Amino acid sequence: MENIKNTRTEHDLLGTRELPADALYGIQTLRGIENFSISKFKLQDYPLFIHGLAYTKLAAAKANNALGLVSDEQLKSIEAACKDILDGKYHDQFQVDMIQGGAGTSTNMNANEVIANIALLHLGKKAGEYEFCSPHDTINRSQSTNDAYPTAIHMGLYASHLKFLPHLEALIEALQKKGDEFAHIIKMGRTQLEDAVPMTLGQTFYGFASILRNEIKHLNEAAADFLVVNMGSTAIGTGICSEPGYAEKTIEALKEITGWEVSLADDWVGATSDTSCMVGYMSALKRVAVKINKICNDLRLLASGPRCGFGEINLPARQPGSSIMPGKVNPVIPEVMSQIAFKVMGNELCVTMAGEASQMELNAMEPIMAQCCFESIDLLINGFDTLRTLCIDGITANEEACRNEVKRSIGVVTALNPYIGYDHSTYIAKKAMETGRSVYDLVLEEGILTQEDLDTILDPKNMIKPVKLDIKARK
């Protein structure tokens, strides 16, 4: 029987290794896999990062071809390889851990080797026949990890940002619709968890929608920084090993490939060690996380009870809430969204610390920064969709409970303050607390206002917006 060899041999600086014959990654990817068995976060789990690598390598190949450094035949095969990757093929070959030493070299080489080997297949060659298309001399031509890797991160994160926005906007729209649905329901507002003044339940949900909507501007501004790249700066920002005009040609190719307004950094040395775009974007995500956690806290409070809490709204029941307490249903969807928010806040701190760790002409901590950014976006997308479809869309109001709270609240005395004065208001509030009687009854009993004037002041539509009423106290 013929002995068919199912491995191939590759070599690098440290020696030779055997790889599966059909593997599309090479020896340096293999070393990266072996050295960095750190987390469950693999490059193959972040398809838009892989797309960013494909954009970057294809743009470099186009620039090198224009300069006569990559042949037309090689460029055609590289284009076909990158198209395959952008179509979702071969992502399983991107196997290195996202968290790695080497400032991203393992990721860069994983991309170089996979693209080279796919290109070889398109050339009718076998994987590993690098004399026809080399990971180093063809795919990585005129590049260093130190410009190709951050450029790919930028492209991948900008694509992730564009993917993220519709999910945030859909959540905002769902909150806005609940605001419309509940616009007629009067309730008590609260400050410091104490009764404050009346408002509508709709205003509560409009408020939720608005604080998230305000973040879209900040996110877009932060994401715009991803479109400024250091491609062409190579190792430390001097452009060594590249030819004049290469950087500009690569940027033009990136713009053509992505359709985005990609531009070249003004100072390459500064840009090569600067990771502040990731720091800035994670800060914008943290702002969103802080606000979504506030919303989830409020949802849990508003739905608390159902009989011994606020009980103003009902969250959809998603699962039994206790293994020992029959009938208990917990607010599990807001709870999981809050945990996602905490994770994003923690990732932001990690990115900040890694960004601060830059030394000399490079920040070697970029891998963990990239992982935190990509992970945070994915978590928020999943969280927003879960919160919207399994919670927000199904919220109902306990309208009668909301109305009764307003009637028996001492806080409504604040609405009387402009008409009866602070001293009268304080007196009524104190007496209401001491006797348990309503503010309404005490004002009439004391003869401070007529019933007609009191009813006008306490009309819900007059308590939820600025109004001017021609009413004066009788005494």
Protein backbone atom coordinates (compact mmCIF):
# COMPACT_ATOMS: atom_id res chain seq x y z
CA MET A 1 0.00 0.00 0.00
CA GLU A 2 1.25 3.47 -0.89
CA ASN A 3 2.33 5.50 2.11
CA ILE A 4 0.68 8.89 1.80
CA LYS A 5 2.40 11.53 3.92
CA ASN A 6 -0.20 13.55 5.83
CA THR A 7 2.17 16.20 7.16
CA ARG A 8 4.44 18.85 5.71
CA THR A 9 7.63 20.35 7.08
CA GLU A 10 8.16 24.08 7.59
CA HIS A 11 11.08 25.98 9.06
CA ASP A 12 11.70 29.29 10.76
CA LEU A 13 14.36 30.98 12.89
CA LEU A 14 14.03 28.38 15.65
CA GLY A 15 14.09 25.26 13.50
CA THR A 16 11.67 22.95 11.69
CA ARG A 17 8.25 21.59 12.59
CA GLU A 18 5.73 19.19 11.12
CA LEU A 19 2.26 20.50 10.31
CA PRO A 20 -0.83 18.74 8.97
CA ALA A 21 -0.51 18.68 5.20
CA ASP A 22 -3.86 20.35 4.71
CA ALA A 23 -3.36 23.06 7.37
CA LEU A 24 -3.63 26.54 5.91
CA TYR A 25 -1.67 28.08 8.78
CA GLY A 26 2.08 27.65 9.07
CA ILE A 27 4.91 27.17 11.51
CA GLN A 28 4.69 30.57 13.22
CA THR A 29 0.98 30.14 13.81
CA LEU A 30 1.75 26.72 15.27
CA ARG A 31 4.26 28.25 17.67
CA GLY A 32 1.72 30.90 18.62
CA ILE A 33 -0.87 28.23 19.36
CA GLU A 34 1.59 26.33 21.53
CA ASN A 35 2.95 29.36 23.37
CA PHE A 36 -0.32 31.11 24.09
CA SER A 37 -2.84 28.63 25.40
CA ILE A 38 -4.19 31.42 27.57
CA SER A 39 -7.90 31.94 27.07
CA LYS A 40 -10.95 30.76 25.19
CA PHE A 41 -10.81 33.89 23.07
CA LYS A 42 -9.45 32.72 19.72
CA LEU A 43 -8.96 34.85 16.64
CA GLN A 44 -11.49 32.69 14.78
CA ASP A 45 -14.18 33.86 17.24
CA TYR A 46 -13.92 37.47 15.99
CA PRO A 47 -14.84 37.39 12.30
CA LEU A 48 -14.77 41.15 11.84
CA PHE A 49 -11.19 41.23 13.12
CA ILE A 50 -10.37 38.57 10.54
CA HIS A 51 -12.05 40.80 7.97
CA GLY A 52 -9.83 43.65 9.14
CA LEU A 53 -6.77 41.49 8.54
CA ALA A 54 -8.02 40.60 5.06
CA TYR A 55 -8.68 44.28 4.22
CA THR A 56 -5.19 45.21 5.39
CA LYS A 57 -3.34 42.43 3.58
CA LEU A 58 -5.26 42.97 0.36
CA ALA A 59 -4.58 46.71 0.44
CA ALA A 60 -0.87 46.06 0.99
CA ALA A 61 -0.79 43.58 -1.90
CA LYS A 62 -2.43 46.13 -4.21
CA ALA A 63 0.11 48.77 -3.22
CA ASN A 64 3.02 46.37 -3.65
CA ASN A 65 1.67 45.32 -7.04
CA ALA A 66 1.50 48.95 -8.14
CA LEU A 67 5.16 49.30 -7.13
CA GLY A 68 6.19 46.14 -8.98
CA LEU A 69 6.89 44.17 -5.80
CA VAL A 70 4.05 41.65 -6.15
CA SER A 71 3.24 40.11 -9.53
CA ASP A 72 -0.14 40.36 -11.23
CA GLU A 73 -0.59 36.62 -10.81
CA GLN A 74 0.19 36.78 -7.11
CA LEU A 75 -2.15 39.74 -6.62
CA LYS A 76 -4.96 37.88 -8.37
CA SER A 77 -4.51 34.88 -6.07
CA ILE A 78 -4.30 37.11 -2.98
CA GLU A 79 -7.50 38.89 -4.02
CA ALA A 80 -9.21 35.53 -4.36
CA ALA A 81 -7.89 34.41 -0.97
CA CYS A 82 -9.07 37.57 0.78
CA LYS A 83 -12.45 37.31 -0.91
CA ASP A 84 -12.77 33.78 0.44
CA ILE A 85 -12.01 35.05 3.93
CA LEU A 86 -14.44 37.96 3.62
CA ASP A 87 -17.07 35.46 2.46
CA GLY A 88 -16.61 33.61 5.76
CA LYS A 89 -14.42 30.78 4.54
CA TYR A 90 -11.38 29.36 6.34
CA HIS A 91 -11.99 31.25 9.59
CA ASP A 92 -11.26 28.02 11.45
CA GLN A 93 -7.64 28.39 10.37
CA PHE A 94 -7.23 31.54 12.49
CA GLN A 95 -6.41 29.65 15.66
CA VAL A 96 -4.12 31.83 17.76
CA ASP A 97 -5.21 33.14 21.13
CA MET A 98 -6.31 36.78 21.12
CA ILE A 99 -4.28 37.28 24.29
CA GLN A 100 -0.63 36.85 23.36
CA GLY A 101 2.85 38.22 23.81
CA GLY A 102 4.76 39.67 20.89
CA ALA A 103 2.60 42.73 20.21
CA GLY A 104 0.39 40.79 17.79
CA THR A 105 3.08 39.00 15.77
CA SER A 106 1.32 35.63 16.14
CA THR A 107 -1.90 37.12 14.78
CA ASN A 108 -0.13 38.89 11.93
CA MET A 109 1.69 35.70 10.95
CA ASN A 110 -1.48 33.64 11.27
CA ALA A 111 -3.03 35.97 8.68
CA ASN A 112 0.08 35.98 6.47
CA GLU A 113 0.30 32.18 6.44
CA VAL A 114 -3.39 31.51 5.91
CA ILE A 115 -3.72 34.06 3.09
CA ALA A 116 -0.53 32.77 1.46
CA ASN A 117 -1.73 29.16 1.54
CA ILE A 118 -5.22 29.98 0.26
CA ALA A 119 -3.56 31.99 -2.52
CA LEU A 120 -1.37 28.97 -3.32
CA LEU A 121 -4.49 26.84 -3.70
CA HIS A 122 -5.86 29.39 -6.17
CA LEU A 123 -2.54 29.19 -8.03
CA GLY A 124 -2.93 25.43 -8.29
CA LYS A 125 -0.15 24.79 -5.79
CA LYS A 126 -0.01 22.98 -2.47
CA ALA A 127 -0.03 24.57 0.96
CA GLY A 128 3.51 25.30 2.00
CA GLU A 129 4.94 25.87 -1.48
CA TYR A 130 5.98 29.32 -0.44
CA GLU A 131 8.38 29.89 -3.34
CA PHE A 132 5.27 30.86 -5.32
CA CYS A 133 3.60 33.00 -2.66
CA SER A 134 5.37 33.59 0.65
CA PRO A 135 3.83 34.61 3.96
CA HIS A 136 6.80 36.93 4.54
CA ASP A 137 8.04 38.05 1.14
CA THR A 138 4.63 38.34 -0.53
CA ILE A 139 1.80 38.74 1.96
CA ASN A 140 3.83 40.70 4.55
CA ARG A 141 5.82 42.63 1.93
CA SER A 142 6.59 46.23 3.00
CA GLN A 143 4.97 45.59 6.38
CA SER A 144 5.69 45.01 10.03
CA THR A 145 3.34 43.59 12.61
CA ASN A 146 3.59 47.04 14.13
CA ASP A 147 1.64 48.70 11.35
CA ALA A 148 -0.35 45.81 9.82
CA TYR A 149 -1.72 44.53 13.14
CA PRO A 150 -3.03 47.86 14.51
CA THR A 151 -4.43 48.76 11.09
CA ALA A 152 -6.33 45.46 11.02
CA ILE A 153 -7.59 46.11 14.55
CA HIS A 154 -8.81 49.55 13.48
CA MET A 155 -10.58 48.18 10.42
CA GLY A 156 -12.14 45.35 12.42
CA LEU A 157 -13.30 47.62 15.22
CA TYR A 158 -14.77 50.17 12.84
CA ALA A 159 -16.72 47.37 11.15
CA SER A 160 -17.82 46.19 14.61
CA HIS A 161 -18.95 49.71 15.48
CA LEU A 162 -21.11 49.85 12.35
CA LYS A 163 -22.59 46.48 13.30
CA PHE A 164 -23.18 47.61 16.88
CA LEU A 165 -25.12 50.81 16.22
CA PRO A 166 -28.33 49.24 14.81
CA HIS A 167 -28.68 47.08 17.92
CA LEU A 168 -28.37 50.14 20.17
CA GLU A 169 -30.81 52.06 17.98
CA ALA A 170 -33.32 49.20 18.10
CA LEU A 171 -33.21 49.22 21.91
CA ILE A 172 -33.70 52.99 21.96
CA GLU A 173 -36.70 52.65 19.65
CA ALA A 174 -38.22 49.97 21.90
CA LEU A 175 -37.89 52.27 24.94
CA GLN A 176 -39.36 55.15 22.97
CA LYS A 177 -42.38 53.03 22.02
CA LYS A 178 -42.96 52.17 25.66
CA GLY A 179 -42.82 55.88 26.40
CA ASP A 180 -45.62 56.42 23.88
CA GLU A 181 -47.62 53.53 25.31
CA PHE A 182 -47.35 54.81 28.88
CA ALA A 183 -47.60 58.55 28.14
CA HIS A 184 -51.01 58.87 29.83
CA ILE A 185 -50.13 57.06 33.07
CA ILE A 186 -49.48 59.39 36.02
CA LYS A 187 -47.06 58.19 38.69
CA MET A 188 -44.77 59.51 41.39
CA GLY A 189 -41.23 60.40 40.52
CA ARG A 190 -38.54 59.66 43.08
CA THR A 191 -35.24 61.19 44.08
CA GLN A 192 -32.89 59.34 46.42
CA LEU A 193 -35.59 56.63 46.48
CA GLU A 194 -37.92 59.06 48.27
CA ASP A 195 -41.20 60.42 46.91
CA ALA A 196 -40.57 63.48 44.78
CA VAL A 197 -43.13 64.93 42.37
CA PRO A 198 -45.61 63.48 39.87
CA MET A 199 -44.67 62.55 36.33
CA THR A 200 -45.85 60.05 33.76
CA LEU A 201 -44.57 56.54 33.30
CA GLY A 202 -44.06 57.52 29.70
CA GLN A 203 -41.61 60.22 30.75
CA THR A 204 -39.61 57.58 32.59
CA PHE A 205 -39.20 55.52 29.42
CA TYR A 206 -38.59 58.58 27.25
CA GLY A 207 -35.80 59.40 29.67
CA PHE A 208 -34.31 55.93 29.26
CA ALA A 209 -34.38 56.30 25.48
CA SER A 210 -32.86 59.79 25.50
CA ILE A 211 -29.86 59.02 27.67
CA LEU A 212 -28.90 56.17 25.35
CA ARG A 213 -29.61 58.18 22.21
CA ASN A 214 -27.20 60.86 23.40
CA GLU A 215 -24.39 58.30 23.37
CA ILE A 216 -24.57 57.65 19.62
CA LYS A 217 -22.73 60.91 18.92
CA HIS A 218 -19.94 60.02 21.35
CA LEU A 219 -19.62 56.52 19.90
CA ASN A 220 -19.40 57.84 16.35
CA GLU A 221 -16.80 60.41 17.31
CA ALA A 222 -14.69 57.79 19.08
CA ALA A 223 -15.04 55.29 16.22
CA ALA A 224 -13.89 57.89 13.68
CA ASP A 225 -10.40 57.63 15.19
CA PHE A 226 -10.19 54.04 13.94
CA LEU A 227 -10.10 55.36 10.39
CA VAL A 228 -6.71 56.98 11.03
CA VAL A 229 -4.01 54.31 10.64
CA ASN A 230 -0.23 54.00 10.61
CA MET A 231 -0.05 51.62 7.65
CA GLY A 232 3.34 52.08 6.00
CA SER A 233 5.14 53.08 9.17
CA THR A 234 6.47 49.50 9.48
CA ALA A 235 8.54 48.68 12.58
CA ILE A 236 8.77 51.90 14.60
CA GLY A 237 7.30 54.58 12.38
CA THR A 238 10.23 55.29 10.07
CA GLY A 239 8.82 53.29 7.15
CA ILE A 240 11.91 51.11 6.86
CA CYS A 241 11.59 48.23 4.33
CA SER A 242 8.91 50.07 2.35
CA GLU A 243 9.27 52.16 -0.80
CA PRO A 244 8.31 55.80 -1.33
CA GLY A 245 4.60 56.08 -2.06
CA TYR A 246 3.77 52.66 -0.62
CA ALA A 247 1.91 54.05 2.43
CA GLU A 248 -0.21 56.38 0.33
CA LYS A 249 -1.04 53.64 -2.18
CA THR A 250 -2.06 51.31 0.65
CA ILE A 251 -4.38 53.93 2.13
CA GLU A 252 -6.01 54.50 -1.25
CA ALA A 253 -6.49 50.75 -1.61
CA LEU A 254 -8.00 50.53 1.89
CA LYS A 255 -10.45 53.30 1.03
CA GLU A 256 -11.41 51.52 -2.18
CA ILE A 257 -11.80 48.11 -0.50
CA THR A 258 -13.81 49.27 2.53
CA GLY A 259 -15.60 52.35 1.22
CA TRP A 260 -14.52 54.20 4.38
CA GLU A 261 -12.64 57.49 4.67
CA VAL A 262 -9.40 55.90 5.85
CA SER A 263 -6.48 58.29 6.28
CA LEU A 264 -2.80 58.10 7.16
CA ALA A 265 -1.59 59.32 10.53
CA ASP A 266 0.32 62.62 10.41
CA ASP A 267 3.21 61.38 12.52
CA TRP A 268 4.05 57.71 12.04
CA VAL A 269 6.37 57.36 15.03
CA GLY A 270 3.77 58.75 17.40
CA ALA A 271 0.98 56.70 15.85
CA THR A 272 2.90 53.42 16.07
CA SER A 273 3.04 53.54 19.86
CA ASP A 274 -0.32 55.28 20.39
CA THR A 275 -3.36 53.13 21.22
CA SER A 276 -5.59 55.94 22.46
CA CYS A 277 -8.27 55.23 19.84
CA MET A 278 -9.06 51.98 21.66
CA VAL A 279 -8.92 53.77 25.02
CA GLY A 280 -11.35 56.36 23.67
CA TYR A 281 -13.78 53.90 22.16
CA MET A 282 -13.84 51.73 25.27
CA SER A 283 -14.54 54.86 27.29
CA ALA A 284 -17.53 55.54 25.03
CA LEU A 285 -18.71 51.96 25.51
CA LYS A 286 -18.32 52.35 29.26
CA ARG A 287 -20.61 55.39 29.17
CA VAL A 288 -23.22 53.23 27.46
CA ALA A 289 -22.68 50.45 30.01
CA VAL A 290 -23.13 52.84 32.93
CA LYS A 291 -26.39 54.12 31.48
CA ILE A 292 -27.81 50.72 30.58
CA ASN A 293 -27.06 49.55 34.11
CA LYS A 294 -28.96 52.55 35.51
CA ILE A 295 -31.92 51.61 33.29
CA CYS A 296 -31.82 48.00 34.46
CA ASN A 297 -31.61 49.09 38.10
CA ASP A 298 -34.70 51.24 37.60
CA LEU A 299 -36.61 48.47 35.82
CA ARG A 300 -35.97 46.13 38.72
CA LEU A 301 -37.12 48.74 41.23
CA LEU A 302 -40.22 49.72 39.27
CA ALA A 303 -41.20 46.05 38.95
CA SER A 304 -40.29 45.10 42.50
CA GLY A 305 -42.87 43.24 44.54
CA PRO A 306 -45.20 42.27 43.09
CA ARG A 307 -47.08 43.21 46.29
CA CYS A 308 -44.45 44.47 48.66
CA GLY A 309 -42.42 46.66 46.32
CA PHE A 310 -43.06 49.51 43.89
CA GLY A 311 -45.08 47.31 41.57
CA GLU A 312 -45.58 50.04 38.96
CA ILE A 313 -44.68 47.85 36.00
CA ASN A 314 -44.62 44.16 35.16
CA LEU A 315 -41.60 42.58 33.52
CA PRO A 316 -42.25 39.53 31.35
CA ALA A 317 -41.90 36.32 33.38
CA ARG A 318 -39.08 34.32 31.81
CA GLN A 319 -38.41 31.50 34.27
CA PRO A 320 -39.25 30.36 37.81
CA GLY A 321 -37.22 32.43 40.20
CA SER A 322 -36.47 30.11 43.06
CA SER A 323 -35.80 26.49 43.86
CA ILE A 324 -37.40 26.95 47.30
CA MET A 325 -39.91 29.83 47.07
CA PRO A 326 -42.97 28.82 45.03
CA GLY A 327 -44.42 31.51 42.79
CA LYS A 328 -41.32 33.69 42.81
CA VAL A 329 -40.27 35.20 39.48
CA ASN A 330 -37.06 37.21 39.24
CA PRO A 331 -36.04 40.01 36.83
CA VAL A 332 -33.44 37.81 35.16
CA ILE A 333 -33.11 39.78 31.92
CA PRO A 334 -32.21 43.13 33.52
CA GLU A 335 -29.92 41.18 35.84
CA VAL A 336 -27.93 39.64 33.00
CA MET A 337 -27.74 42.99 31.20
CA SER A 338 -26.28 44.57 34.34
CA GLN A 339 -23.64 41.85 34.51
CA ILE A 340 -22.71 42.57 30.90
CA ALA A 341 -22.40 46.25 31.83
CA PHE A 342 -20.05 45.36 34.69
CA LYS A 343 -17.90 43.27 32.32
CA VAL A 344 -17.67 46.14 29.85
CA MET A 345 -16.68 48.53 32.65
CA GLY A 346 -13.97 46.08 33.70
CA ASN A 347 -12.75 45.74 30.12
CA GLU A 348 -12.52 49.53 29.89
CA LEU A 349 -10.21 49.58 32.90
CA CYS A 350 -8.08 46.84 31.32
CA VAL A 351 -7.82 48.81 28.07
CA THR A 352 -6.90 51.97 30.00
CA MET A 353 -4.12 50.19 31.89
CA ALA A 354 -2.82 48.53 28.73
CA GLY A 355 -2.89 51.83 26.88
CA GLU A 356 -0.84 53.40 29.65
CA ALA A 357 1.73 50.59 29.35
CA SER A 358 3.17 51.84 26.05
CA GLN A 359 6.95 51.94 26.06
CA MET A 360 9.24 53.72 23.62
CA GLU A 361 8.15 53.16 20.00
CA LEU A 362 5.51 50.47 20.54
CA ASN A 363 2.72 49.37 22.83
CA ALA A 364 3.16 45.61 23.18
CA MET A 365 -0.13 45.30 25.07
CA GLU A 366 -2.35 45.83 22.02
CA PRO A 367 -3.59 42.19 21.95
CA ILE A 368 -5.49 42.45 25.23
CA MET A 369 -6.81 45.86 24.23
CA ALA A 370 -8.20 44.46 20.99
CA GLN A 371 -9.74 41.47 22.75
CA CYS A 372 -11.48 43.67 25.31
CA CYS A 373 -12.88 45.98 22.62
CA PHE A 374 -14.18 43.21 20.36
CA GLU A 375 -15.59 41.26 23.30
CA SER A 376 -17.35 44.30 24.75
CA ILE A 377 -19.08 45.09 21.48
CA ASP A 378 -20.24 41.49 21.09
CA LEU A 379 -21.51 41.35 24.67
CA LEU A 380 -23.45 44.59 24.32
CA ILE A 381 -25.00 43.49 21.02
CA ASN A 382 -26.21 40.25 22.57
CA GLY A 383 -27.31 42.02 25.75
CA PHE A 384 -29.24 44.74 23.95
CA ASP A 385 -31.09 42.24 21.77
CA THR A 386 -31.92 40.09 24.80
CA LEU A 387 -33.07 43.07 26.88
CA ARG A 388 -35.22 44.41 24.04
CA THR A 389 -36.91 41.21 22.90
CA LEU A 390 -37.24 39.38 26.22
CA CYS A 391 -37.96 42.32 28.49
CA ILE A 392 -38.66 45.82 27.14
CA ASP A 393 -41.10 44.78 24.42
CA GLY A 394 -43.23 42.86 26.92
CA ILE A 395 -43.38 45.36 29.81
CA THR A 396 -46.86 46.27 30.98
CA ALA A 397 -47.98 48.97 33.42
CA ASN A 398 -49.93 48.70 36.68
CA GLU A 399 -51.85 51.86 35.94
CA GLU A 400 -54.09 51.82 39.02
CA ALA A 401 -51.16 51.28 41.37
CA CYS A 402 -49.35 54.23 39.81
CA ARG A 403 -52.42 56.47 40.18
CA ASN A 404 -53.03 55.47 43.80
CA GLU A 405 -49.46 56.27 44.75
CA VAL A 406 -49.89 59.79 43.45
CA LYS A 407 -53.12 60.26 45.42
CA ARG A 408 -51.65 59.18 48.72
CA SER A 409 -48.20 60.71 48.22
CA ILE A 410 -47.01 63.60 50.32
CA GLY A 411 -44.82 64.58 47.39
CA VAL A 412 -47.73 66.20 45.58
CA VAL A 413 -47.48 69.07 48.03
CA THR A 414 -44.53 70.28 45.94
CA ALA A 415 -46.98 71.09 43.15
CA LEU A 416 -48.82 73.40 45.58
CA ASN A 417 -45.69 75.23 46.65
CA PRO A 418 -45.84 78.03 44.00
CA TYR A 419 -49.42 78.84 45.00
CA ILE A 420 -49.56 78.41 48.78
CA GLY A 421 -45.93 79.13 49.67
CA TYR A 422 -43.20 77.08 51.29
CA ASP A 423 -44.42 77.52 54.89
CA HIS A 424 -47.94 76.35 54.13
CA SER A 425 -46.55 73.46 52.06
CA THR A 426 -44.23 72.40 54.87
CA TYR A 427 -47.05 72.56 57.40
CA ILE A 428 -49.35 70.42 55.24
CA ALA A 429 -46.59 67.90 54.50
CA LYS A 430 -45.71 67.54 58.18
CA LYS A 431 -49.33 67.14 59.22
CA ALA A 432 -49.92 64.58 56.46
CA MET A 433 -46.99 62.52 57.70
CA GLU A 434 -48.12 62.71 61.33
CA THR A 435 -51.77 61.88 60.69
CA GLY A 436 -51.55 59.62 57.65
CA ARG A 437 -54.16 61.77 55.94
CA SER A 438 -53.94 62.96 52.34
CA VAL A 439 -52.51 66.29 51.28
CA TYR A 440 -55.69 66.93 49.30
CA ASP A 441 -57.98 66.58 52.31
CA LEU A 442 -55.77 68.68 54.61
CA VAL A 443 -55.52 71.61 52.17
CA LEU A 444 -59.31 71.75 51.92
CA GLU A 445 -59.76 71.33 55.67
CA GLU A 446 -57.36 74.19 56.38
CA GLY A 447 -59.16 76.38 53.83
CA ILE A 448 -55.94 77.19 52.02
CA LEU A 449 -57.38 76.63 48.52
CA THR A 450 -60.80 76.10 47.02
CA GLN A 451 -61.56 72.64 45.74
CA GLU A 452 -61.73 73.99 42.19
CA ASP A 453 -58.27 75.57 42.44
CA LEU A 454 -56.82 72.50 44.14
CA ASP A 455 -58.19 70.21 41.44
CA THR A 456 -56.73 72.47 38.76
CA ILE A 457 -53.28 72.45 40.33
CA LEU A 458 -53.34 68.69 40.85
CA ASP A 459 -54.64 67.91 37.37
CA PRO A 460 -52.03 65.47 36.00
CA LYS A 461 -51.43 67.52 32.88
CA ASN A 462 -50.48 70.50 35.05
CA MET A 463 -47.93 68.56 37.11
CA ILE A 464 -45.73 67.04 34.40
CA LYS A 465 -44.52 70.18 32.62
CA PRO A 466 -43.98 73.89 33.34
CA VAL A 467 -47.32 75.75 33.71
CA LYS A 468 -48.51 79.15 34.89
CA LEU A 469 -51.86 79.17 36.72
CA ASP A 470 -53.61 82.28 38.02
CA ILE A 471 -54.29 80.83 41.48
CA LYS A 472 -53.57 82.29 44.91
CA ALA A 473 -53.93 80.87 48.40
CA ARG A 474 -56.93 82.01 50.44
CA LYS A 475 -54.89 82.43 53.60
